[in-house]
N, C-alpha and C. Protein backbone atom coordinates (compact mmCIF):
# COMPACT_ATOMS: atom_id res chain seq x y z
N MET A 1 94.73 -22.63 -121.78
CA MET A 1 94.51 -24.03 -122.56
C MET A 1 95.36 -23.40 -123.54
N TYR A 2 96.48 -24.84 -124.45
CA TYR A 2 97.14 -24.94 -125.24
C TYR A 2 97.00 -25.42 -126.80
N THR A 3 96.75 -24.57 -127.85
CA THR A 3 96.23 -25.94 -128.38
C THR A 3 97.61 -26.51 -129.34
N GLU A 4 97.39 -27.45 -130.29
CA GLU A 4 98.49 -28.53 -130.93
C GLU A 4 99.01 -27.61 -131.94
N GLU A 5 98.35 -26.50 -132.57
CA GLU A 5 99.91 -25.69 -132.61
C GLU A 5 101.04 -24.94 -131.40
N MET A 6 99.48 -24.13 -130.17
CA MET A 6 101.12 -23.54 -129.64
C MET A 6 102.22 -24.66 -128.76
N ALA A 7 101.25 -25.62 -129.02
CA ALA A 7 102.73 -26.65 -128.03
C ALA A 7 103.33 -27.53 -128.83
N LYS A 8 103.07 -27.37 -130.17
CA LYS A 8 104.39 -27.45 -131.42
C LYS A 8 105.39 -26.37 -131.22
N ASP A 9 104.60 -25.32 -130.87
CA ASP A 9 105.73 -24.51 -131.48
C ASP A 9 106.68 -24.11 -130.26
N VAL A 10 105.80 -24.43 -128.62
CA VAL A 10 106.41 -24.78 -127.60
C VAL A 10 107.78 -25.24 -127.55
N PHE A 11 107.70 -26.39 -127.62
CA PHE A 11 108.58 -27.90 -128.14
C PHE A 11 109.28 -27.86 -129.50
N LYS A 12 110.00 -27.05 -130.72
CA LYS A 12 109.72 -26.63 -131.53
C LYS A 12 110.86 -25.08 -130.75
N GLN A 13 110.68 -24.84 -130.24
CA GLN A 13 111.73 -24.14 -129.03
C GLN A 13 112.38 -24.63 -127.85
N VAL A 14 111.67 -25.33 -127.24
CA VAL A 14 113.13 -25.92 -126.46
C VAL A 14 113.83 -26.48 -127.00
N LEU A 15 113.16 -27.29 -128.74
CA LEU A 15 114.46 -28.13 -129.06
C LEU A 15 115.67 -27.20 -129.83
N THR A 16 115.35 -26.43 -130.45
CA THR A 16 116.16 -25.30 -130.82
C THR A 16 116.89 -24.56 -129.76
N GLY A 17 116.39 -24.17 -128.64
CA GLY A 17 117.68 -24.01 -127.31
C GLY A 17 118.46 -25.27 -126.84
N LEU A 18 118.50 -26.16 -127.04
CA LEU A 18 118.82 -27.38 -126.56
C LEU A 18 119.88 -27.99 -127.70
N LYS A 19 119.78 -27.09 -129.44
CA LYS A 19 120.54 -27.88 -130.30
C LYS A 19 121.22 -26.76 -129.90
N TYR A 20 121.39 -25.57 -129.73
CA TYR A 20 121.97 -24.49 -129.36
C TYR A 20 122.55 -24.39 -127.96
N LEU A 21 122.57 -25.17 -126.78
CA LEU A 21 123.86 -25.79 -125.63
C LEU A 21 124.28 -26.13 -125.74
N HIS A 22 123.63 -27.23 -126.85
CA HIS A 22 124.80 -29.07 -126.74
C HIS A 22 125.84 -27.94 -127.71
N SER A 23 125.66 -27.09 -129.12
CA SER A 23 126.60 -26.90 -129.97
C SER A 23 127.69 -25.95 -129.31
N LYS A 24 127.41 -25.37 -128.21
CA LYS A 24 128.11 -24.55 -127.37
C LYS A 24 129.11 -25.58 -126.08
N GLY A 25 128.63 -26.70 -126.43
CA GLY A 25 129.12 -27.49 -125.27
C GLY A 25 128.68 -27.82 -124.20
N VAL A 26 127.25 -27.52 -124.25
CA VAL A 26 126.56 -27.14 -123.21
C VAL A 26 125.69 -28.95 -122.02
N CYS A 27 125.69 -28.89 -121.56
CA CYS A 27 124.03 -30.01 -121.82
C CYS A 27 123.43 -29.85 -120.06
N HIS A 28 122.17 -29.42 -120.48
CA HIS A 28 121.08 -29.38 -119.47
C HIS A 28 121.40 -29.95 -118.30
N ARG A 29 120.86 -31.30 -118.28
CA ARG A 29 121.06 -33.26 -117.66
C ARG A 29 119.14 -32.44 -116.72
N ASP A 30 118.18 -31.53 -116.85
CA ASP A 30 116.91 -31.48 -116.58
C ASP A 30 115.76 -30.44 -116.54
N ILE A 31 116.32 -30.77 -118.00
CA ILE A 31 114.89 -30.46 -118.75
C ILE A 31 113.51 -30.94 -118.41
N LYS A 32 112.59 -30.36 -117.78
CA LYS A 32 111.19 -30.30 -117.39
C LYS A 32 110.80 -29.09 -117.27
N PRO A 33 109.41 -29.35 -116.88
CA PRO A 33 108.49 -28.00 -117.23
C PRO A 33 108.77 -26.70 -116.48
N GLN A 34 108.58 -27.60 -114.71
CA GLN A 34 109.49 -26.65 -114.20
C GLN A 34 110.60 -25.25 -114.57
N ASN A 35 111.78 -26.37 -115.99
CA ASN A 35 112.70 -25.04 -115.95
C ASN A 35 112.52 -24.84 -117.15
N LEU A 36 110.83 -24.62 -117.43
CA LEU A 36 111.32 -24.05 -118.78
C LEU A 36 110.30 -22.13 -118.81
N TYR A 37 109.97 -21.93 -119.09
CA TYR A 37 109.47 -20.08 -118.67
C TYR A 37 108.80 -19.85 -120.36
N ILE A 38 107.59 -19.05 -119.89
CA ILE A 38 107.19 -19.11 -121.53
C ILE A 38 106.73 -17.55 -121.46
N THR A 39 107.35 -15.78 -121.67
CA THR A 39 106.58 -15.07 -122.23
C THR A 39 105.89 -14.71 -122.42
N LYS A 40 105.20 -13.52 -120.94
CA LYS A 40 104.11 -13.22 -121.84
C LYS A 40 103.52 -12.07 -123.16
N SER A 41 104.86 -11.87 -123.48
CA SER A 41 105.01 -10.67 -124.02
C SER A 41 105.25 -11.48 -125.63
N ASP A 42 106.39 -12.27 -125.97
CA ASP A 42 106.13 -13.07 -127.59
C ASP A 42 106.12 -14.03 -127.23
N SER A 43 105.85 -15.33 -126.18
CA SER A 43 105.46 -16.75 -126.00
C SER A 43 106.96 -17.17 -125.71
N ARG A 44 107.92 -16.78 -126.17
CA ARG A 44 109.36 -16.71 -125.87
C ARG A 44 109.70 -18.03 -124.76
N VAL A 45 110.15 -19.56 -125.19
CA VAL A 45 110.37 -19.97 -124.28
C VAL A 45 111.93 -20.33 -123.87
N LEU A 46 112.29 -20.06 -122.34
CA LEU A 46 113.15 -19.56 -121.93
C LEU A 46 114.00 -21.34 -121.23
N ILE A 47 114.99 -21.45 -121.67
CA ILE A 47 115.39 -22.72 -120.54
C ILE A 47 115.44 -21.81 -119.53
N LEU A 48 115.66 -22.92 -117.95
CA LEU A 48 116.23 -21.85 -117.08
C LEU A 48 116.71 -23.11 -115.94
N ASP A 49 117.39 -22.85 -114.86
CA ASP A 49 117.95 -23.66 -113.29
C ASP A 49 119.25 -24.35 -114.84
N TYR A 50 120.83 -23.71 -113.92
CA TYR A 50 121.63 -24.18 -114.78
C TYR A 50 122.46 -25.22 -113.96
N ASN A 51 121.85 -25.15 -113.02
CA ASN A 51 122.51 -26.13 -111.29
C ASN A 51 123.92 -27.55 -111.69
N VAL A 52 122.84 -28.19 -112.11
CA VAL A 52 123.55 -29.54 -112.59
C VAL A 52 124.13 -29.77 -114.03
N ALA A 53 124.14 -28.09 -114.91
CA ALA A 53 124.90 -28.13 -116.60
C ALA A 53 125.85 -29.17 -117.12
N LYS A 54 126.59 -29.56 -117.57
CA LYS A 54 127.50 -29.43 -117.70
C LYS A 54 128.09 -29.05 -118.90
N GLN A 55 129.75 -28.57 -119.12
CA GLN A 55 130.20 -27.93 -119.91
C GLN A 55 131.38 -29.57 -120.44
N ARG A 56 131.37 -29.43 -121.80
CA ARG A 56 132.37 -30.14 -122.47
C ARG A 56 133.65 -30.14 -122.05
N SER A 57 134.66 -31.07 -121.74
CA SER A 57 136.04 -31.13 -121.46
C SER A 57 136.60 -30.43 -122.74
N GLU A 58 137.56 -30.77 -122.80
CA GLU A 58 138.32 -30.76 -123.72
C GLU A 58 138.71 -31.74 -124.57
N ASP A 59 138.70 -32.61 -123.57
CA ASP A 59 138.89 -33.86 -124.77
C ASP A 59 137.89 -34.44 -125.01
N GLY A 60 136.17 -33.02 -125.24
CA GLY A 60 135.25 -33.72 -125.80
C GLY A 60 133.97 -34.64 -125.42
N GLU A 61 134.63 -34.62 -124.25
CA GLU A 61 133.65 -35.60 -123.60
C GLU A 61 132.77 -34.70 -122.40
N PHE A 62 131.59 -35.40 -121.91
CA PHE A 62 130.70 -34.29 -120.78
C PHE A 62 131.21 -34.82 -119.23
N HIS A 63 131.58 -36.49 -119.38
CA HIS A 63 132.22 -36.59 -117.81
C HIS A 63 131.30 -36.84 -116.68
N MET A 64 130.15 -37.17 -116.99
CA MET A 64 129.06 -36.78 -116.33
C MET A 64 128.96 -38.93 -116.03
N ARG A 65 129.20 -38.12 -114.35
CA ARG A 65 129.07 -40.20 -113.32
C ARG A 65 128.24 -39.48 -112.61
N THR A 66 127.62 -38.67 -111.57
CA THR A 66 126.44 -38.55 -110.57
C THR A 66 125.16 -39.06 -111.36
N LYS A 67 124.10 -39.37 -110.95
CA LYS A 67 122.55 -38.73 -111.97
C LYS A 67 122.66 -37.97 -110.73
N THR A 68 121.69 -37.23 -111.76
CA THR A 68 120.79 -35.58 -111.55
C THR A 68 119.96 -35.60 -111.59
N GLY A 69 118.71 -35.32 -111.89
CA GLY A 69 117.81 -34.25 -112.73
C GLY A 69 116.41 -34.84 -111.12
N THR A 70 115.09 -34.39 -111.70
CA THR A 70 114.34 -35.32 -111.29
C THR A 70 113.12 -36.36 -111.94
C-alpha cells in the first residue's frame, strides 16, 4: 500500500526521468505503470520498455506519424 508521500515521490521520479529523456531528445511514447519499475532496495523508479521511443531528428523534430502505445 502506498502512502500519499510515497506516491508523490514515485510521481516526482517519473517526471524527473521524463525531463531527462526529453533533454536528450528522446520521447518514450508508452509511459504506463507496467513500464515503471521500483527497486526494492532504495525505491528508485526506473523507466522501462523503449521499443516505441523516438529520438529527435537533426531538424529538431520527432516525426511521430504512427499511433502507438497501449
